[in-house]
Amino acid sequence: MTLGDDHESSGGYGGTGQTRTRLPDGPGDGHPGPRRGPARTSSRSLVTIVGVVVLLIAAIAFANRGGDDSAPSSKGRDAPPDTAATAPTGKRPVDSRTAGIPSGYARTEQGAASAAANYAVALGSADMFDKAKRDTVLGVIITPAGLPDFESRLDKAYSPQFNRNIGLNEDGTAPKGYTFVSRTNPIGTRITKSSGDRVTVDVWCGGLLGLTGQNSVSPVTSSWFTITMDLEWADGDWKIVAHSQKDGPAPIPGDDKASSADEMAKAVQEYGGFTYAR
């Protein structure tokens, strides 16, 4: 019986002997029992408590389900999430790497989104300031046809003059006594276009860039930006065909106290990054 049914029954028979017969409130001695109002309130409170307990049990069961593939599902492993685009699914993260970069993504939109998130991390790493390391990164994430153009354009962007401007040595290394910080942290992804083996993904990111050190002229600062990647399925994985970046969306800065240069350097050395996969 629903709460609506209970309310209707009480209203239809209130004040008669039938009330005690259908929904007895008293000890059954023939005298009228308590008023129906408190009983309804108690009933609703009980239903509320039971509902909360059921939700808690369901939440605990769901949280403990991760990593258990024994229970069959009516949906395939590559099925899209039921809620938001960044909701987790049962698909396991990629477990292979090429030159330290996660690889071996599923040939799905979900796989493309995961690839874009990890490629954003690679493109925003300190390795991009070193010519040899940068070429290695590009060789993993860029389509073979587009690789020469990417290498040429980024060689011009990461010039010796650019490195000097941000406080690095001309070869992209940090001066003695300093720690160089360059990290990109994906916040979320969204698919903006998908057609066969071509997918366009936006990756919203927060970034850190700068030099830690007592006399650094380029202290570590944070930024917010969105990277757009056109991906193509090539050589058995998702590869970047085109890449662009724009500022934001950026939240209002909080009132956090800035850490010292030593604290920042220690944090960067002690805290590793993540492999992004959904």
Protein backbone atom coordinates (compact mmCIF):
# COMPACT_ATOMS: atom_id res chain seq x y z
CA MET A 1 0.00 0.00 0.00
CA THR A 2 1.36 3.43 -0.90
CA LEU A 3 1.17 6.49 1.28
CA GLY A 4 -1.52 7.84 -1.02
CA ASP A 5 -3.62 4.70 -0.56
CA ASP A 6 -3.30 4.92 3.23
CA HIS A 7 -4.42 8.55 3.25
CA GLU A 8 -7.43 7.83 1.05
CA SER A 9 -8.54 4.87 3.15
CA SER A 10 -8.29 6.84 6.40
CA GLY A 11 -10.29 9.72 4.96
CA GLY A 12 -13.03 7.45 3.63
CA TYR A 13 -13.69 5.61 6.86
CA GLY A 14 -12.60 7.99 9.65
CA GLY A 15 -14.84 8.06 12.76
CA THR A 16 -16.60 4.70 12.16
CA GLY A 17 -16.18 1.25 13.67
CA GLN A 18 -14.79 0.05 10.34
CA THR A 19 -11.65 2.03 10.98
CA ARG A 20 -10.81 -0.19 13.96
CA THR A 21 -11.56 -3.30 11.91
CA ARG A 22 -9.36 -2.45 8.90
CA LEU A 23 -6.57 -0.52 10.61
CA PRO A 24 -6.79 -1.26 14.37
CA ASP A 25 -5.11 1.35 16.55
CA GLY A 26 -6.27 0.25 20.02
CA PRO A 27 -5.92 -2.94 22.01
CA GLY A 28 -9.18 -4.34 20.50
CA ASP A 29 -11.41 -3.69 23.53
CA GLY A 30 -14.14 -2.00 21.50
CA HIS A 31 -13.12 1.54 22.48
CA PRO A 32 -11.97 4.03 19.88
CA GLY A 33 -8.21 4.10 19.42
CA PRO A 34 -5.87 7.12 19.02
CA ARG A 35 -6.41 9.71 16.32
CA ARG A 36 -5.20 8.73 12.83
CA GLY A 37 -2.93 11.81 12.38
CA PRO A 38 -0.03 10.59 14.56
CA ALA A 39 -0.20 7.13 13.00
CA ARG A 40 0.19 8.61 9.52
CA THR A 41 3.12 10.75 10.70
CA SER A 42 4.81 7.75 12.30
CA SER A 43 4.21 5.68 9.17
CA ARG A 44 5.72 8.31 6.93
CA SER A 45 8.72 8.71 9.24
CA LEU A 46 9.28 4.96 9.13
CA VAL A 47 9.06 4.92 5.34
CA THR A 48 11.57 7.78 5.18
CA ILE A 49 14.03 5.99 7.48
CA VAL A 50 13.71 2.74 5.54
CA GLY A 51 14.25 4.63 2.27
CA VAL A 52 17.45 6.24 3.56
CA VAL A 53 18.78 2.89 4.78
CA VAL A 54 18.05 1.28 1.40
CA LEU A 55 19.87 4.11 -0.41
CA LEU A 56 22.89 3.76 1.87
CA ILE A 57 23.04 0.00 1.32
CA ALA A 58 22.78 0.52 -2.45
CA ALA A 59 25.54 3.14 -2.40
CA ILE A 60 27.88 0.88 -0.40
CA ALA A 61 27.18 -2.03 -2.73
CA PHE A 62 27.87 0.13 -5.78
CA ALA A 63 31.12 1.49 -4.33
CA ASN A 64 32.35 -2.03 -3.55
CA ARG A 65 31.51 -3.24 -7.04
CA GLY A 66 34.60 -1.67 -8.64
CA GLY A 67 37.02 -4.17 -10.13
CA ASP A 68 34.59 -7.11 -9.85
CA ASP A 69 33.90 -8.52 -13.28
CA SER A 70 32.21 -11.68 -12.05
CA ALA A 71 28.67 -10.34 -12.26
CA PRO A 72 27.33 -10.30 -15.83
CA SER A 73 25.78 -7.11 -17.16
CA SER A 74 23.08 -6.58 -19.73
CA LYS A 75 25.19 -3.76 -21.19
CA GLY A 76 28.47 -4.27 -23.01
CA ARG A 77 31.76 -3.13 -21.49
CA ASP A 78 31.99 -0.37 -24.09
CA ALA A 79 28.47 0.96 -23.46
CA PRO A 80 28.39 4.72 -22.76
CA PRO A 81 27.64 5.96 -19.24
CA ASP A 82 24.01 6.47 -18.27
CA THR A 83 24.45 9.93 -16.75
CA ALA A 84 26.98 12.67 -17.43
CA ALA A 85 29.66 12.32 -20.07
CA THR A 86 32.35 12.07 -17.43
CA ALA A 87 30.60 9.46 -15.30
CA PRO A 88 32.75 6.37 -14.61
CA THR A 89 31.91 3.08 -16.29
CA GLY A 90 32.91 -0.51 -15.74
CA LYS A 91 35.63 -0.39 -18.38
CA ARG A 92 39.11 -0.93 -17.01
CA PRO A 93 41.81 1.72 -17.59
CA VAL A 94 44.37 1.07 -20.30
CA ASP A 95 47.22 -1.04 -18.96
CA SER A 96 49.90 -0.55 -21.62
CA ARG A 97 52.34 2.29 -22.28
CA THR A 98 54.45 3.50 -25.17
CA ALA A 99 57.43 5.66 -24.18
CA GLY A 100 55.74 6.16 -20.81
CA ILE A 101 52.46 7.38 -22.34
CA PRO A 102 49.28 5.30 -21.82
CA SER A 103 48.24 3.57 -25.04
CA GLY A 104 45.97 0.82 -26.34
CA TYR A 105 42.60 2.55 -26.14
CA ALA A 106 39.23 1.11 -27.11
CA ARG A 107 37.99 1.96 -30.60
CA THR A 108 35.03 3.86 -29.15
CA GLU A 109 34.13 7.42 -28.21
CA GLN A 110 34.99 6.55 -24.62
CA GLY A 111 38.41 5.35 -25.74
CA ALA A 112 38.95 8.56 -27.72
CA ALA A 113 38.04 10.69 -24.69
CA SER A 114 40.48 8.76 -22.51
CA ALA A 115 43.21 9.13 -25.12
CA ALA A 116 42.61 12.88 -25.37
CA ALA A 117 42.88 13.30 -21.59
CA ASN A 118 46.17 11.41 -21.42
CA TYR A 119 47.54 13.19 -24.48
CA ALA A 120 46.74 16.53 -22.83
CA VAL A 121 48.90 15.44 -19.89
CA ALA A 122 51.75 14.51 -22.24
CA LEU A 123 51.52 17.76 -24.21
CA GLY A 124 51.63 19.78 -20.98
CA SER A 125 54.56 17.94 -19.41
CA ALA A 126 58.10 19.20 -18.83
CA ASP A 127 59.27 16.76 -21.53
CA MET A 128 57.92 19.11 -24.18
CA PHE A 129 60.69 21.62 -23.39
CA ASP A 130 63.41 19.09 -24.27
CA LYS A 131 63.82 18.51 -28.03
CA ALA A 132 64.62 14.79 -27.86
CA LYS A 133 61.89 14.03 -25.32
CA ARG A 134 59.38 16.17 -27.22
CA ASP A 135 59.98 14.25 -30.44
CA THR A 136 59.43 10.98 -28.56
CA VAL A 137 56.10 12.23 -27.16
CA LEU A 138 54.93 13.42 -30.56
CA GLY A 139 55.88 10.12 -32.17
CA VAL A 140 53.46 8.34 -29.82
CA ILE A 141 50.42 10.62 -29.98
CA ILE A 142 50.47 12.20 -33.47
CA THR A 143 49.37 10.50 -36.71
CA PRO A 144 52.33 9.46 -38.88
CA ALA A 145 51.16 11.74 -41.71
CA GLY A 146 50.97 14.78 -39.45
CA LEU A 147 54.15 14.16 -37.44
CA PRO A 148 56.63 16.21 -39.55
CA ASP A 149 54.40 19.30 -39.43
CA PHE A 150 53.88 19.01 -35.67
CA GLU A 151 57.61 18.63 -35.04
CA SER A 152 58.42 21.66 -37.19
CA ARG A 153 55.82 23.93 -35.56
CA LEU A 154 56.72 22.95 -32.01
CA ASP A 155 60.44 23.33 -32.65
CA LYS A 156 59.70 26.97 -33.44
CA ALA A 157 57.41 27.37 -30.43
CA TYR A 158 59.86 25.86 -27.92
CA SER A 159 62.79 27.97 -29.07
CA PRO A 160 65.91 28.73 -26.99
CA GLN A 161 64.61 32.28 -26.57
CA PHE A 162 61.26 31.01 -25.26
CA ASN A 163 63.06 28.79 -22.74
CA ARG A 164 65.13 31.73 -21.52
CA ASN A 165 62.02 33.87 -21.17
CA ILE A 166 60.50 31.46 -18.65
CA GLY A 167 63.75 31.06 -16.72
CA LEU A 168 65.07 27.81 -18.25
CA ASN A 169 68.38 27.12 -19.90
CA GLU A 170 68.31 27.26 -23.68
CA ASP A 171 68.07 23.47 -23.92
CA GLY A 172 64.94 23.43 -21.74
CA THR A 173 66.59 22.23 -18.54
CA ALA A 174 66.20 23.98 -15.19
CA PRO A 175 69.09 26.05 -13.80
CA LYS A 176 71.02 24.50 -10.92
CA GLY A 177 69.14 24.78 -7.65
CA TYR A 178 65.72 25.13 -9.29
CA THR A 179 62.91 22.69 -10.07
CA PHE A 180 60.91 23.19 -13.25
CA VAL A 181 57.18 22.51 -12.97
CA SER A 182 54.95 21.92 -15.98
CA ARG A 183 51.81 19.87 -15.45
CA THR A 184 48.43 19.64 -17.10
CA ASN A 185 45.56 18.14 -15.10
CA PRO A 186 42.39 17.22 -17.04
CA ILE A 187 39.17 18.18 -15.26
CA GLY A 188 36.78 16.62 -17.79
CA THR A 189 36.19 15.76 -21.44
CA ARG A 190 33.36 16.07 -23.92
CA ILE A 191 32.82 14.70 -27.41
CA THR A 192 31.89 17.49 -29.82
CA LYS A 193 31.97 15.52 -33.07
CA SER A 194 32.12 11.86 -34.00
CA SER A 195 32.08 10.19 -37.39
CA GLY A 196 33.43 6.70 -37.83
CA ASP A 197 37.13 6.70 -37.02
CA ARG A 198 37.32 10.48 -36.47
CA VAL A 199 36.41 12.02 -33.12
CA THR A 200 36.79 15.58 -31.82
CA VAL A 201 37.31 15.90 -28.06
CA ASP A 202 37.45 18.96 -25.81
CA VAL A 203 39.57 18.54 -22.66
CA TRP A 204 39.06 21.08 -19.88
CA CYS A 205 42.29 21.42 -17.91
CA GLY A 206 44.03 23.11 -15.03
CA GLY A 207 47.75 23.69 -15.37
CA LEU A 208 50.87 24.48 -13.37
CA LEU A 209 53.92 26.20 -14.86
CA GLY A 210 57.01 27.84 -13.41
CA LEU A 211 60.30 27.45 -11.55
CA THR A 212 60.62 26.76 -7.85
CA GLY A 213 63.52 28.41 -6.09
CA GLN A 214 64.17 31.18 -3.61
CA ASN A 215 65.07 33.75 -6.28
CA SER A 216 62.87 32.48 -9.12
CA VAL A 217 61.67 35.17 -11.50
CA SER A 218 59.02 32.75 -12.81
CA PRO A 219 57.27 31.25 -9.75
CA VAL A 220 54.80 28.42 -10.27
CA THR A 221 51.39 29.74 -11.30
CA SER A 222 48.12 28.05 -12.16
CA SER A 223 45.98 28.45 -15.27
CA TRP A 224 42.77 27.13 -16.81
CA PHE A 225 42.32 26.23 -20.47
CA THR A 226 40.55 23.92 -22.91
CA ILE A 227 42.38 21.78 -25.44
CA THR A 228 40.55 20.61 -28.57
CA MET A 229 41.88 17.51 -30.29
CA ASP A 230 40.83 15.96 -33.57
CA LEU A 231 41.62 12.27 -33.22
CA GLU A 232 41.85 9.55 -35.85
CA TRP A 233 42.09 5.80 -35.45
CA ALA A 234 45.50 4.93 -36.92
CA ASP A 235 48.02 2.13 -36.35
CA GLY A 236 45.66 0.43 -33.89
CA ASP A 237 45.16 3.42 -31.59
CA TRP A 238 43.81 6.97 -31.37
CA LYS A 239 46.22 9.60 -32.73
CA ILE A 240 46.05 13.40 -32.92
CA VAL A 241 45.35 14.94 -36.33
CA ALA A 242 44.90 18.55 -35.18
CA HIS A 243 45.26 20.36 -31.88
CA SER A 244 44.27 23.80 -30.55
CA GLN A 245 43.91 25.53 -27.20
CA LYS A 246 41.91 28.39 -25.69
CA ASP A 247 41.69 29.99 -22.24
CA GLY A 248 39.11 28.95 -19.62
CA PRO A 249 36.63 28.19 -18.27
CA ALA A 250 38.33 29.59 -15.15
CA PRO A 251 36.79 29.66 -11.65
CA ILE A 252 37.08 32.62 -9.29
CA PRO A 253 40.39 32.31 -7.40
CA GLY A 254 40.00 31.18 -3.81
CA ASP A 255 41.67 32.51 -0.69
CA ASP A 256 44.31 29.77 -0.51
CA LYS A 257 47.67 30.81 0.86
CA ALA A 258 50.44 30.28 -1.68
CA SER A 259 52.98 27.62 -0.71
CA SER A 260 56.67 28.35 -0.41
CA ALA A 261 59.05 27.44 -3.23
CA ASP A 262 60.42 24.52 -1.20
CA GLU A 263 56.92 23.18 -0.47
CA MET A 264 56.00 23.37 -4.13
CA ALA A 265 59.19 21.64 -5.28
CA LYS A 266 58.68 18.86 -2.72
CA ALA A 267 55.06 18.36 -3.75
CA VAL A 268 55.93 18.06 -7.45
CA GLN A 269 58.65 15.51 -6.67
CA GLU A 270 56.51 13.43 -4.31
CA TYR A 271 53.11 13.41 -6.05
CA GLY A 272 52.79 11.43 -9.26
CA GLY A 273 50.17 11.87 -11.96
CA PHE A 274 47.26 9.71 -13.12
CA THR A 275 46.29 7.63 -16.10
CA TYR A 276 42.95 8.92 -17.33
CA ALA A 277 40.49 6.34 -18.60
CA ARG A 278 36.75 5.86 -18.19
